[in-house]
Amino acid sequence: MNNNRANFYWLFLVISYTLIQIYILPQSWGEHAISDKGIFSILTIVLLSIALYFLLKTTNTKLGIEHKTYLYVLAYVIIIYILREADFHRLFTDEHITKTKFYSNPNISIQQKIFGGIPMMLFFVCVLYLLVTQSKLVLTNFIEKTPWAIALILWGLTFVTSQLIDKSDLNDVYFGRVIEEMLELCAAGYVLLAIIQSLTSIKNLPKHSPRPKY
């Protein structure tokens, strides 16, 4: 089966269920399902965790240090992604550590700001590193309709859209919250698809090369 079909089957599945959730299923059940501790938040974390597992498993192959560096950096980004979706910050603060309010709030201790700021600074450095080193590779493979690159672009579109909805007036109404939560689930699915679809290419990389070419 063409792996590109999996990318669009997943999108179709999420859109179909979103419409069912909004127009057919009871709103009372839906509100519980899309809550921070609801089934879709759990599924989002599960999908990302499976993606992380496959990625870390790949690092055990006989790859050169250059390639493993990219994979470990990506693994760290996914770990922070998982902690964000799991609301890990609530263990020590009510304010999300990715928001500027966390660092400007005088009621939050300097120790908490340091504890939250160091991993976030490293996270942004890792994201910048991946953007600088891998953007051309992703765009080239996207133009060539490589499945993993298409999944990665679709992840970006769905994730950014979910964040825009979360910060808009749509988040104040039921159908907007459903769409936002399902887009986050959809984005997590694309992370998993992108990694699964690139596994064979990653394993076939040479032991020494300045940059991975899938």
N, C-alpha and C. Protein backbone atom coordinates (compact mmCIF):
# COMPACT_ATOMS: atom_id res chain seq x y z
N MET A 1 0.84 -1.20 0.00
CA MET A 1 0.00 0.00 0.00
C MET A 1 0.88 1.25 0.00
N ASN A 2 0.52 2.20 -0.82
CA ASN A 2 1.21 3.47 -0.85
C ASN A 2 1.08 4.14 0.50
N ASN A 3 2.23 4.46 1.13
CA ASN A 3 2.20 5.06 2.45
C ASN A 3 1.52 6.41 2.48
N ASN A 4 1.49 7.10 1.32
CA ASN A 4 0.80 8.38 1.27
C ASN A 4 -0.69 8.20 1.55
N ARG A 5 -1.22 7.04 1.23
CA ARG A 5 -2.62 6.79 1.52
C ARG A 5 -2.87 6.80 3.02
N ALA A 6 -1.91 6.28 3.78
CA ALA A 6 -2.06 6.26 5.24
C ALA A 6 -2.18 7.68 5.78
N ASN A 7 -1.42 8.61 5.21
CA ASN A 7 -1.49 10.00 5.65
C ASN A 7 -2.89 10.58 5.48
N PHE A 8 -3.49 10.30 4.34
CA PHE A 8 -4.80 10.88 4.06
C PHE A 8 -5.94 10.06 4.66
N TYR A 9 -5.73 8.77 4.83
CA TYR A 9 -6.72 7.97 5.55
C TYR A 9 -6.85 8.46 6.99
N TRP A 10 -5.71 8.78 7.58
CA TRP A 10 -5.71 9.27 8.97
C TRP A 10 -6.46 10.61 9.06
N LEU A 11 -6.20 11.49 8.12
CA LEU A 11 -6.89 12.78 8.10
C LEU A 11 -8.39 12.59 7.91
N PHE A 12 -8.76 11.69 7.00
CA PHE A 12 -10.18 11.41 6.75
C PHE A 12 -10.85 10.85 8.01
N LEU A 13 -10.15 9.94 8.69
CA LEU A 13 -10.69 9.34 9.91
C LEU A 13 -10.94 10.39 10.99
N VAL A 14 -9.97 11.28 11.18
CA VAL A 14 -10.10 12.31 12.21
C VAL A 14 -11.23 13.29 11.86
N ILE A 15 -11.30 13.71 10.60
CA ILE A 15 -12.36 14.63 10.18
C ILE A 15 -13.73 13.98 10.34
N SER A 16 -13.83 12.72 9.96
CA SER A 16 -15.11 12.01 10.06
C SER A 16 -15.57 11.93 11.52
N TYR A 17 -14.64 11.55 12.40
CA TYR A 17 -15.04 11.43 13.80
C TYR A 17 -15.37 12.80 14.39
N THR A 18 -14.65 13.82 13.98
CA THR A 18 -14.93 15.18 14.48
C THR A 18 -16.36 15.58 14.16
N LEU A 19 -16.81 15.31 12.95
CA LEU A 19 -18.18 15.64 12.55
C LEU A 19 -19.20 14.82 13.34
N ILE A 20 -18.87 13.56 13.57
CA ILE A 20 -19.77 12.70 14.37
C ILE A 20 -19.85 13.23 15.80
N GLN A 21 -18.69 13.62 16.34
CA GLN A 21 -18.65 14.13 17.72
C GLN A 21 -19.48 15.41 17.87
N ILE A 22 -19.41 16.27 16.86
CA ILE A 22 -20.11 17.56 16.94
C ILE A 22 -21.61 17.42 16.70
N TYR A 23 -21.99 16.61 15.71
CA TYR A 23 -23.38 16.61 15.26
C TYR A 23 -24.21 15.41 15.72
N ILE A 24 -23.57 14.34 16.18
CA ILE A 24 -24.34 13.13 16.52
C ILE A 24 -24.21 12.75 17.99
N LEU A 25 -23.00 12.66 18.50
CA LEU A 25 -22.80 12.20 19.88
C LEU A 25 -23.23 13.27 20.89
N PRO A 26 -23.65 12.84 22.08
CA PRO A 26 -24.10 13.79 23.11
C PRO A 26 -22.98 14.75 23.52
N GLN A 27 -23.32 16.01 23.71
CA GLN A 27 -22.32 16.99 24.09
C GLN A 27 -21.74 16.70 25.47
N SER A 28 -22.55 16.14 26.37
CA SER A 28 -22.06 15.82 27.71
C SER A 28 -20.91 14.84 27.66
N TRP A 29 -21.05 13.82 26.80
CA TRP A 29 -19.95 12.86 26.64
C TRP A 29 -18.76 13.52 25.96
N GLY A 30 -19.06 14.35 24.96
CA GLY A 30 -18.00 15.01 24.22
C GLY A 30 -17.15 15.92 25.09
N GLU A 31 -17.79 16.66 26.00
CA GLU A 31 -17.05 17.56 26.89
C GLU A 31 -16.07 16.77 27.75
N HIS A 32 -16.50 15.61 28.21
CA HIS A 32 -15.61 14.77 29.02
C HIS A 32 -14.48 14.21 28.16
N ALA A 33 -14.80 13.80 26.93
CA ALA A 33 -13.81 13.17 26.05
C ALA A 33 -12.70 14.14 25.65
N ILE A 34 -13.04 15.44 25.51
CA ILE A 34 -12.04 16.41 25.05
C ILE A 34 -11.40 17.17 26.21
N SER A 35 -11.71 16.79 27.44
CA SER A 35 -11.11 17.45 28.59
C SER A 35 -9.63 17.09 28.70
N ASP A 36 -8.91 17.78 29.59
CA ASP A 36 -7.47 17.54 29.73
C ASP A 36 -7.15 16.10 30.13
N LYS A 37 -8.10 15.46 30.82
CA LYS A 37 -7.90 14.07 31.24
C LYS A 37 -8.79 13.12 30.45
N GLY A 38 -9.31 13.59 29.33
CA GLY A 38 -10.21 12.79 28.51
C GLY A 38 -9.49 11.80 27.62
N ILE A 39 -10.28 11.00 26.92
CA ILE A 39 -9.75 9.92 26.10
C ILE A 39 -8.85 10.42 24.97
N PHE A 40 -9.17 11.59 24.40
CA PHE A 40 -8.39 12.07 23.26
C PHE A 40 -7.04 12.63 23.70
N SER A 41 -6.98 13.23 24.87
CA SER A 41 -5.69 13.67 25.41
C SER A 41 -4.81 12.46 25.69
N ILE A 42 -5.41 11.40 26.22
CA ILE A 42 -4.66 10.17 26.49
C ILE A 42 -4.16 9.55 25.20
N LEU A 43 -5.02 9.49 24.18
CA LEU A 43 -4.63 8.93 22.89
C LEU A 43 -3.51 9.74 22.25
N THR A 44 -3.56 11.05 22.40
CA THR A 44 -2.51 11.91 21.86
C THR A 44 -1.16 11.56 22.48
N ILE A 45 -1.15 11.40 23.80
CA ILE A 45 0.09 11.04 24.51
C ILE A 45 0.56 9.65 24.11
N VAL A 46 -0.37 8.71 23.95
CA VAL A 46 -0.03 7.34 23.55
C VAL A 46 0.63 7.33 22.17
N LEU A 47 0.05 8.05 21.22
CA LEU A 47 0.61 8.10 19.86
C LEU A 47 2.01 8.69 19.86
N LEU A 48 2.21 9.76 20.61
CA LEU A 48 3.53 10.39 20.68
C LEU A 48 4.54 9.47 21.37
N SER A 49 4.08 8.75 22.38
CA SER A 49 4.97 7.83 23.10
C SER A 49 5.40 6.67 22.21
N ILE A 50 4.48 6.17 21.40
CA ILE A 50 4.82 5.10 20.46
C ILE A 50 5.83 5.61 19.43
N ALA A 51 5.61 6.83 18.97
CA ALA A 51 6.54 7.45 18.02
C ALA A 51 7.93 7.56 18.63
N LEU A 52 7.99 7.98 19.89
CA LEU A 52 9.27 8.11 20.58
C LEU A 52 9.95 6.74 20.72
N TYR A 53 9.17 5.72 21.00
CA TYR A 53 9.72 4.37 21.13
C TYR A 53 10.38 3.92 19.83
N PHE A 54 9.69 4.10 18.72
CA PHE A 54 10.26 3.70 17.42
C PHE A 54 11.51 4.50 17.10
N LEU A 55 11.49 5.78 17.44
CA LEU A 55 12.66 6.63 17.16
C LEU A 55 13.86 6.20 17.99
N LEU A 56 13.66 5.96 19.28
CA LEU A 56 14.76 5.54 20.14
C LEU A 56 15.28 4.15 19.76
N LYS A 57 14.37 3.29 19.31
CA LYS A 57 14.77 1.97 18.86
C LYS A 57 15.68 2.07 17.64
N THR A 58 15.41 3.04 16.79
CA THR A 58 16.23 3.24 15.60
C THR A 58 17.64 3.68 15.95
N THR A 59 17.81 4.40 17.04
CA THR A 59 19.15 4.87 17.42
C THR A 59 20.06 3.73 17.84
N ASN A 60 19.50 2.55 18.07
CA ASN A 60 20.32 1.40 18.44
C ASN A 60 20.98 0.73 17.23
N THR A 61 20.58 1.17 16.04
CA THR A 61 21.18 0.61 14.83
C THR A 61 22.58 1.19 14.64
N LYS A 62 23.34 0.60 13.73
CA LYS A 62 24.73 1.01 13.53
C LYS A 62 24.82 2.24 12.62
N LEU A 63 24.37 3.37 13.16
CA LEU A 63 24.45 4.63 12.44
C LEU A 63 25.67 5.42 12.89
N GLY A 64 26.11 6.32 12.03
CA GLY A 64 27.20 7.20 12.40
C GLY A 64 26.74 8.21 13.44
N ILE A 65 27.69 8.81 14.14
CA ILE A 65 27.37 9.76 15.20
C ILE A 65 26.60 10.96 14.66
N GLU A 66 26.87 11.33 13.39
CA GLU A 66 26.17 12.48 12.81
C GLU A 66 24.67 12.22 12.74
N HIS A 67 24.32 11.04 12.28
CA HIS A 67 22.91 10.69 12.14
C HIS A 67 22.25 10.53 13.51
N LYS A 68 22.97 9.90 14.43
CA LYS A 68 22.40 9.70 15.76
C LYS A 68 22.16 11.03 16.47
N THR A 69 22.99 12.02 16.18
CA THR A 69 22.79 13.34 16.78
C THR A 69 21.43 13.90 16.40
N TYR A 70 21.09 13.81 15.10
CA TYR A 70 19.79 14.29 14.65
C TYR A 70 18.65 13.55 15.36
N LEU A 71 18.81 12.25 15.47
CA LEU A 71 17.76 11.43 16.07
C LEU A 71 17.58 11.72 17.55
N TYR A 72 18.68 11.92 18.27
CA TYR A 72 18.58 12.22 19.70
C TYR A 72 17.99 13.60 19.93
N VAL A 73 18.35 14.54 19.08
CA VAL A 73 17.77 15.89 19.18
C VAL A 73 16.27 15.82 18.94
N LEU A 74 15.87 15.08 17.91
CA LEU A 74 14.45 14.92 17.61
C LEU A 74 13.74 14.21 18.76
N ALA A 75 14.40 13.23 19.37
CA ALA A 75 13.80 12.51 20.50
C ALA A 75 13.55 13.46 21.67
N TYR A 76 14.47 14.37 21.92
CA TYR A 76 14.29 15.33 23.01
C TYR A 76 13.09 16.24 22.73
N VAL A 77 12.97 16.67 21.49
CA VAL A 77 11.83 17.53 21.10
C VAL A 77 10.51 16.79 21.34
N ILE A 78 10.47 15.51 20.97
CA ILE A 78 9.24 14.73 21.16
C ILE A 78 8.95 14.52 22.64
N ILE A 79 10.00 14.33 23.45
CA ILE A 79 9.80 14.18 24.89
C ILE A 79 9.14 15.43 25.49
N ILE A 80 9.64 16.59 25.11
CA ILE A 80 9.04 17.85 25.59
C ILE A 80 7.61 17.97 25.07
N TYR A 81 7.38 17.55 23.84
CA TYR A 81 6.05 17.53 23.23
C TYR A 81 5.10 16.68 24.09
N ILE A 82 5.56 15.51 24.48
CA ILE A 82 4.74 14.61 25.30
C ILE A 82 4.45 15.23 26.66
N LEU A 83 5.48 15.80 27.30
CA LEU A 83 5.29 16.43 28.61
C LEU A 83 4.31 17.61 28.51
N ARG A 84 4.36 18.32 27.41
CA ARG A 84 3.43 19.43 27.21
C ARG A 84 2.00 18.92 27.13
N GLU A 85 1.78 17.87 26.33
CA GLU A 85 0.44 17.32 26.17
C GLU A 85 -0.06 16.69 27.48
N ALA A 86 0.87 16.20 28.30
CA ALA A 86 0.50 15.58 29.58
C ALA A 86 0.35 16.61 30.70
N ASP A 87 0.54 17.90 30.36
CA ASP A 87 0.45 18.97 31.37
C ASP A 87 1.38 18.69 32.55
N PHE A 88 2.60 18.29 32.24
CA PHE A 88 3.58 17.98 33.27
C PHE A 88 3.85 19.17 34.19
N HIS A 89 3.73 20.38 33.63
CA HIS A 89 4.02 21.59 34.41
C HIS A 89 3.11 21.74 35.63
N ARG A 90 1.94 21.08 35.59
CA ARG A 90 0.99 21.22 36.70
C ARG A 90 1.49 20.55 37.99
N LEU A 91 2.58 19.80 37.88
CA LEU A 91 3.15 19.20 39.09
C LEU A 91 3.78 20.26 39.99
N PHE A 92 4.17 21.40 39.40
CA PHE A 92 4.81 22.44 40.22
C PHE A 92 4.28 23.85 39.97
N THR A 93 3.40 24.04 38.98
CA THR A 93 2.83 25.36 38.73
C THR A 93 1.56 25.23 37.90
N ASP A 94 0.66 26.20 38.05
CA ASP A 94 -0.57 26.20 37.26
C ASP A 94 -0.36 26.85 35.90
N GLU A 95 0.70 27.62 35.77
CA GLU A 95 0.98 28.33 34.52
C GLU A 95 1.87 27.49 33.63
N HIS A 96 1.56 27.43 32.35
CA HIS A 96 2.34 26.62 31.42
C HIS A 96 3.72 27.23 31.21
N ILE A 97 4.77 26.41 31.27
CA ILE A 97 6.14 26.91 31.18
C ILE A 97 6.50 27.40 29.77
N THR A 98 5.63 27.13 28.78
CA THR A 98 5.90 27.62 27.43
C THR A 98 5.36 29.03 27.22
N LYS A 99 4.66 29.58 28.21
CA LYS A 99 4.07 30.90 28.09
C LYS A 99 4.90 31.94 28.82
N THR A 100 4.95 33.15 28.26
CA THR A 100 5.73 34.22 28.87
C THR A 100 5.18 34.61 30.24
N LYS A 101 3.89 34.36 30.46
CA LYS A 101 3.29 34.70 31.75
C LYS A 101 3.98 33.95 32.89
N PHE A 102 4.46 32.76 32.60
CA PHE A 102 5.14 31.96 33.62
C PHE A 102 6.39 32.67 34.13
N TYR A 103 7.13 33.30 33.22
CA TYR A 103 8.40 33.93 33.59
C TYR A 103 8.23 35.36 34.10
N SER A 104 7.10 36.00 33.76
CA SER A 104 6.86 37.37 34.22
C SER A 104 6.01 37.43 35.48
N ASN A 105 5.46 36.30 35.88
CA ASN A 105 4.60 36.27 37.07
C ASN A 105 5.44 36.39 38.34
N PRO A 106 5.24 37.46 39.13
CA PRO A 106 6.03 37.65 40.35
C PRO A 106 5.72 36.63 41.44
N ASN A 107 4.59 35.94 41.31
CA ASN A 107 4.20 34.94 42.31
C ASN A 107 4.89 33.60 42.11
N ILE A 108 5.57 33.45 40.99
CA ILE A 108 6.29 32.22 40.71
C ILE A 108 7.75 32.41 41.10
N SER A 109 8.28 31.51 41.90
CA SER A 109 9.63 31.65 42.42
C SER A 109 10.68 31.54 41.32
N ILE A 110 11.85 32.11 41.59
CA ILE A 110 12.94 32.05 40.63
C ILE A 110 13.40 30.62 40.41
N GLN A 111 13.29 29.78 41.46
CA GLN A 111 13.68 28.38 41.33
C GLN A 111 12.78 27.66 40.32
N GLN A 112 11.46 27.96 40.38
CA GLN A 112 10.54 27.35 39.43
C GLN A 112 10.81 27.83 38.02
N LYS A 113 11.14 29.11 37.88
CA LYS A 113 11.42 29.66 36.56
C LYS A 113 12.68 29.04 35.96
N ILE A 114 13.68 28.81 36.79
CA ILE A 114 14.90 28.16 36.32
C ILE A 114 14.61 26.70 35.96
N PHE A 115 13.86 26.03 36.83
CA PHE A 115 13.51 24.62 36.60
C PHE A 115 12.75 24.45 35.29
N GLY A 116 11.84 25.39 35.01
CA GLY A 116 11.07 25.31 33.77
C GLY A 116 11.79 25.90 32.58
N GLY A 117 12.65 26.90 32.83
CA GLY A 117 13.30 27.60 31.73
C GLY A 117 14.42 26.85 31.06
N ILE A 118 15.22 26.11 31.84
CA ILE A 118 16.37 25.40 31.27
C ILE A 118 15.95 24.37 30.22
N PRO A 119 15.00 23.46 30.53
CA PRO A 119 14.60 22.50 29.49
C PRO A 119 13.92 23.17 28.30
N MET A 120 13.23 24.31 28.54
CA MET A 120 12.59 25.01 27.42
C MET A 120 13.62 25.68 26.53
N MET A 121 14.67 26.25 27.13
CA MET A 121 15.74 26.85 26.33
C MET A 121 16.40 25.79 25.46
N LEU A 122 16.67 24.62 26.05
CA LEU A 122 17.27 23.53 25.30
C LEU A 122 16.34 23.07 24.19
N PHE A 123 15.03 23.06 24.49
CA PHE A 123 14.03 22.67 23.50
C PHE A 123 14.08 23.60 22.29
N PHE A 124 14.10 24.90 22.53
CA PHE A 124 14.12 25.86 21.42
C PHE A 124 15.43 25.79 20.64
N VAL A 125 16.52 25.50 21.32
CA VAL A 125 17.80 25.31 20.63
C VAL A 125 17.72 24.09 19.71
N CYS A 126 17.11 23.01 20.21
CA CYS A 126 16.96 21.78 19.41
C CYS A 126 16.07 22.01 18.20
N VAL A 127 14.97 22.74 18.40
CA VAL A 127 14.06 23.03 17.29
C VAL A 127 14.78 23.87 16.24
N LEU A 128 15.52 24.90 16.69
CA LEU A 128 16.27 25.74 15.76
C LEU A 128 17.30 24.92 15.00
N TYR A 129 17.98 24.03 15.70
CA TYR A 129 18.98 23.15 15.08
C TYR A 129 18.35 22.30 13.98
N LEU A 130 17.19 21.72 14.27
CA LEU A 130 16.51 20.89 13.28
C LEU A 130 16.03 21.72 12.09
N LEU A 131 15.54 22.92 12.35
CA LEU A 131 15.08 23.79 11.27
C LEU A 131 16.23 24.18 10.35
N VAL A 132 17.36 24.53 10.93
CA VAL A 132 18.51 24.97 10.14
C VAL A 132 19.09 23.82 9.33
N THR A 133 19.18 22.65 9.94
CA THR A 133 19.86 21.52 9.29
C THR A 133 18.96 20.65 8.42
N GLN A 134 17.65 20.66 8.70
CA GLN A 134 16.78 19.69 8.03
C GLN A 134 15.68 20.29 7.15
N SER A 135 15.51 21.61 7.17
CA SER A 135 14.42 22.23 6.40
C SER A 135 14.52 21.91 4.91
N LYS A 136 15.72 22.03 4.35
CA LYS A 136 15.90 21.76 2.93
C LYS A 136 15.57 20.31 2.60
N LEU A 137 16.00 19.40 3.47
CA LEU A 137 15.72 17.97 3.28
C LEU A 137 14.22 17.70 3.28
N VAL A 138 13.51 18.30 4.23
CA VAL A 138 12.07 18.10 4.33
C VAL A 138 11.35 18.66 3.10
N LEU A 139 11.70 19.87 2.70
CA LEU A 139 11.05 20.50 1.56
C LEU A 139 11.32 19.73 0.26
N THR A 140 12.55 19.27 0.10
CA THR A 140 12.90 18.50 -1.10
C THR A 140 12.09 17.22 -1.17
N ASN A 141 11.99 16.52 -0.06
CA ASN A 141 11.22 15.27 -0.04
C ASN A 141 9.72 15.52 -0.13
N PHE A 142 9.27 16.65 0.37
CA PHE A 142 7.85 17.00 0.23
C PHE A 142 7.50 17.22 -1.24
N ILE A 143 8.35 17.93 -1.93
CA ILE A 143 8.14 18.17 -3.37
C ILE A 143 8.14 16.85 -4.13
N GLU A 144 8.98 15.91 -3.68
CA GLU A 144 9.05 14.59 -4.32
C GLU A 144 7.95 13.65 -3.82
N LYS A 145 7.06 14.17 -2.97
CA LYS A 145 5.92 13.42 -2.43
C LYS A 145 6.35 12.20 -1.62
N THR A 146 7.45 12.35 -0.90
CA THR A 146 7.90 11.29 0.00
C THR A 146 6.95 11.22 1.18
N PRO A 147 6.43 10.05 1.52
CA PRO A 147 5.40 9.93 2.56
C PRO A 147 5.74 10.56 3.90
N TRP A 148 6.98 10.34 4.40
CA TRP A 148 7.31 10.88 5.72
C TRP A 148 7.33 12.40 5.72
N ALA A 149 7.75 12.99 4.59
CA ALA A 149 7.79 14.46 4.50
C ALA A 149 6.38 15.04 4.43
N ILE A 150 5.50 14.36 3.71
CA ILE A 150 4.11 14.81 3.65
C ILE A 150 3.47 14.73 5.03
N ALA A 151 3.75 13.65 5.75
CA ALA A 151 3.23 13.50 7.11
C ALA A 151 3.74 14.62 8.01
N LEU A 152 5.00 15.00 7.84
CA LEU A 152 5.59 16.04 8.67
C LEU A 152 4.96 17.41 8.37
N ILE A 153 4.73 17.69 7.11
CA ILE A 153 4.08 18.96 6.73
C ILE A 153 2.65 18.99 7.25
N LEU A 154 1.94 17.87 7.13
CA LEU A 154 0.58 17.80 7.64
C LEU A 154 0.56 17.95 9.16
N TRP A 155 1.59 17.42 9.83
CA TRP A 155 1.70 17.64 11.28
C TRP A 155 1.78 19.14 11.57
N GLY A 156 2.64 19.84 10.84
CA GLY A 156 2.80 21.27 11.07
C GLY A 156 1.50 22.03 10.87
N LEU A 157 0.78 21.70 9.82
CA LEU A 157 -0.48 22.39 9.52
C LEU A 157 -1.53 22.13 10.60
N THR A 158 -1.67 20.87 11.01
CA THR A 158 -2.68 20.53 12.00
C THR A 158 -2.32 21.08 13.38
N PHE A 159 -1.04 21.01 13.74
CA PHE A 159 -0.63 21.50 15.06
C PHE A 159 -0.79 23.01 15.16
N VAL A 160 -0.32 23.73 14.16
CA VAL A 160 -0.43 25.20 14.19
C VAL A 160 -1.89 25.62 14.20
N THR A 161 -2.72 24.95 13.41
CA THR A 161 -4.15 25.28 13.38
C THR A 161 -4.79 25.05 14.74
N SER A 162 -4.41 23.96 15.41
CA SER A 162 -4.97 23.67 16.73
C SER A 162 -4.61 24.75 17.73
N GLN A 163 -3.38 25.27 17.63
CA GLN A 163 -2.94 26.32 18.56
C GLN A 163 -3.63 27.64 18.27
N LEU A 164 -3.88 27.92 17.02
CA LEU A 164 -4.61 29.14 16.66
C LEU A 164 -6.04 29.10 17.18
N ILE A 165 -6.67 27.94 17.07
CA ILE A 165 -8.03 27.78 17.60
C ILE A 165 -8.04 27.90 19.11
N ASP A 166 -7.03 27.33 19.75
CA ASP A 166 -6.94 27.37 21.21
C ASP A 166 -6.86 28.80 21.74
N LYS A 167 -6.27 29.69 20.95
CA LYS A 167 -6.11 31.08 21.38
C LYS A 167 -7.17 32.01 20.80
N SER A 168 -8.16 31.45 20.12
CA SER A 168 -9.21 32.27 19.49
C SER A 168 -10.53 32.12 20.24
N ASP A 169 -11.52 32.86 19.77
CA ASP A 169 -12.85 32.79 20.37
C ASP A 169 -13.51 31.43 20.15
N LEU A 170 -13.01 30.67 19.17
CA LEU A 170 -13.58 29.34 18.91
C LEU A 170 -13.42 28.42 20.11
N ASN A 171 -12.41 28.68 20.92
CA ASN A 171 -12.18 27.85 22.09
C ASN A 171 -13.24 28.06 23.17
N ASP A 172 -14.08 29.06 22.99
CA ASP A 172 -15.14 29.34 23.96
C ASP A 172 -16.44 28.59 23.64
N VAL A 173 -16.47 27.94 22.48
CA VAL A 173 -17.68 27.21 22.08
C VAL A 173 -17.35 25.73 21.92
N TYR A 174 -18.35 24.89 22.07
CA TYR A 174 -18.15 23.44 22.08
C TYR A 174 -17.50 22.92 20.81
N PHE A 175 -18.05 23.27 19.65
CA PHE A 175 -17.52 22.70 18.41
C PHE A 175 -16.07 23.15 18.17
N GLY A 176 -15.73 24.35 18.64
CA GLY A 176 -14.36 24.82 18.49
C GLY A 176 -13.40 24.02 19.35
N ARG A 177 -13.82 23.69 20.55
CA ARG A 177 -12.98 22.88 21.45
C ARG A 177 -12.80 21.47 20.90
N VAL A 178 -13.87 20.93 20.30
CA VAL A 178 -13.77 19.60 19.70
C VAL A 178 -12.76 19.61 18.56
N ILE A 179 -12.87 20.60 17.69
CA ILE A 179 -11.96 20.69 16.55
C ILE A 179 -10.52 20.85 17.02
N GLU A 180 -10.31 21.69 18.03
CA GLU A 180 -8.95 21.92 18.55
C GLU A 180 -8.34 20.64 19.10
N GLU A 181 -9.13 19.91 19.88
CA GLU A 181 -8.63 18.67 20.50
C GLU A 181 -8.37 17.60 19.45
N MET A 182 -9.23 17.50 18.45
CA MET A 182 -9.05 16.49 17.41
C MET A 182 -7.87 16.83 16.51
N LEU A 183 -7.61 18.11 16.31
CA LEU A 183 -6.44 18.51 15.53
C LEU A 183 -5.16 18.15 16.27
N GLU A 184 -5.16 18.28 17.59
CA GLU A 184 -3.98 17.88 18.37
C GLU A 184 -3.75 16.37 18.27
N LEU A 185 -4.85 15.62 18.30
CA LEU A 185 -4.75 14.17 18.12
C LEU A 185 -4.23 13.85 16.72
N CYS A 186 -4.77 14.55 15.74
CA CYS A 186 -4.36 14.34 14.34
C CYS A 186 -2.87 14.63 14.17
N ALA A 187 -2.40 15.72 14.79
CA ALA A 187 -0.99 16.08 14.71
C ALA A 187 -0.11 14.99 15.31
N ALA A 188 -0.51 14.45 16.46
CA ALA A 188 0.26 13.37 17.09
C ALA A 188 0.33 12.15 16.18
N GLY A 189 -0.77 11.85 15.50
CA GLY A 189 -0.78 10.73 14.57
C GLY A 189 0.21 10.93 13.43
N TYR A 190 0.35 12.17 12.98
CA TYR A 190 1.30 12.44 11.89
C TYR A 190 2.75 12.34 12.36
N VAL A 191 3.01 12.64 13.63
CA VAL A 191 4.36 12.42 14.16
C VAL A 191 4.70 10.93 14.07
N LEU A 192 3.75 10.10 14.50
CA LEU A 192 3.96 8.65 14.45
C LEU A 192 4.12 8.17 13.01
N LEU A 193 3.27 8.64 12.11
CA LEU A 193 3.35 8.22 10.71
C LEU A 193 4.67 8.65 10.08
N ALA A 194 5.11 9.87 10.37
CA ALA A 194 6.36 10.36 9.79
C ALA A 194 7.54 9.49 10.20
N ILE A 195 7.56 9.09 11.48
CA ILE A 195 8.67 8.27 11.97
C ILE A 195 8.59 6.85 11.40
N ILE A 196 7.41 6.26 11.43
CA ILE A 196 7.25 4.90 10.90
C ILE A 196 7.63 4.85 9.42
N GLN A 197 7.19 5.85 8.66
CA GLN A 197 7.44 5.86 7.22
C GLN A 197 8.90 6.14 6.86
N SER A 198 9.67 6.64 7.83
CA SER A 198 11.08 6.92 7.56
C SER A 198 12.02 5.86 8.14
N LEU A 199 11.47 4.86 8.84
CA LEU A 199 12.30 3.88 9.53
C LEU A 199 13.25 3.14 8.58
N THR A 200 12.71 2.65 7.48
CA THR A 200 13.54 1.89 6.54
C THR A 200 14.67 2.73 6.00
N SER A 201 14.38 3.98 5.65
CA SER A 201 15.41 4.87 5.12
C SER A 201 16.47 5.19 6.16
N ILE A 202 16.04 5.38 7.41
CA ILE A 202 16.99 5.67 8.48
C ILE A 202 17.94 4.50 8.69
N LYS A 203 17.38 3.28 8.71
CA LYS A 203 18.21 2.09 8.93
C LYS A 203 19.21 1.87 7.80
N ASN A 204 18.89 2.37 6.60
CA ASN A 204 19.77 2.17 5.46
C ASN A 204 20.79 3.29 5.28
N LEU A 205 20.82 4.24 6.21
CA LEU A 205 21.79 5.32 6.12
C LEU A 205 23.20 4.77 6.30
N PRO A 206 24.18 5.38 5.63
CA PRO A 206 25.57 4.94 5.84
C PRO A 206 26.05 5.30 7.24
N LYS A 207 27.10 4.62 7.69
CA LYS A 207 27.60 4.86 9.04
C LYS A 207 28.21 6.25 9.18
N HIS A 208 28.70 6.81 8.09
CA HIS A 208 29.33 8.12 8.15
C HIS A 208 28.81 8.98 7.01
N SER A 209 28.17 10.09 7.36
CA SER A 209 27.67 11.04 6.39
C SER A 209 27.36 12.32 7.12
N PRO A 210 27.65 13.48 6.53
CA PRO A 210 27.43 14.74 7.23
C PRO A 210 25.96 15.07 7.45
N ARG A 211 25.10 14.44 6.68
CA ARG A 211 23.68 14.77 6.82
C ARG A 211 22.83 13.61 6.31
N PRO A 212 21.79 13.23 7.04
CA PRO A 212 20.96 12.12 6.59
C PRO A 212 20.19 12.47 5.33
N LYS A 213 20.14 11.51 4.40
CA LYS A 213 19.36 11.67 3.19
C LYS A 213 18.42 10.51 3.05
N TYR A 214 17.17 10.74 3.34
CA TYR A 214 16.19 9.65 3.35
C TYR A 214 15.76 9.32 1.94
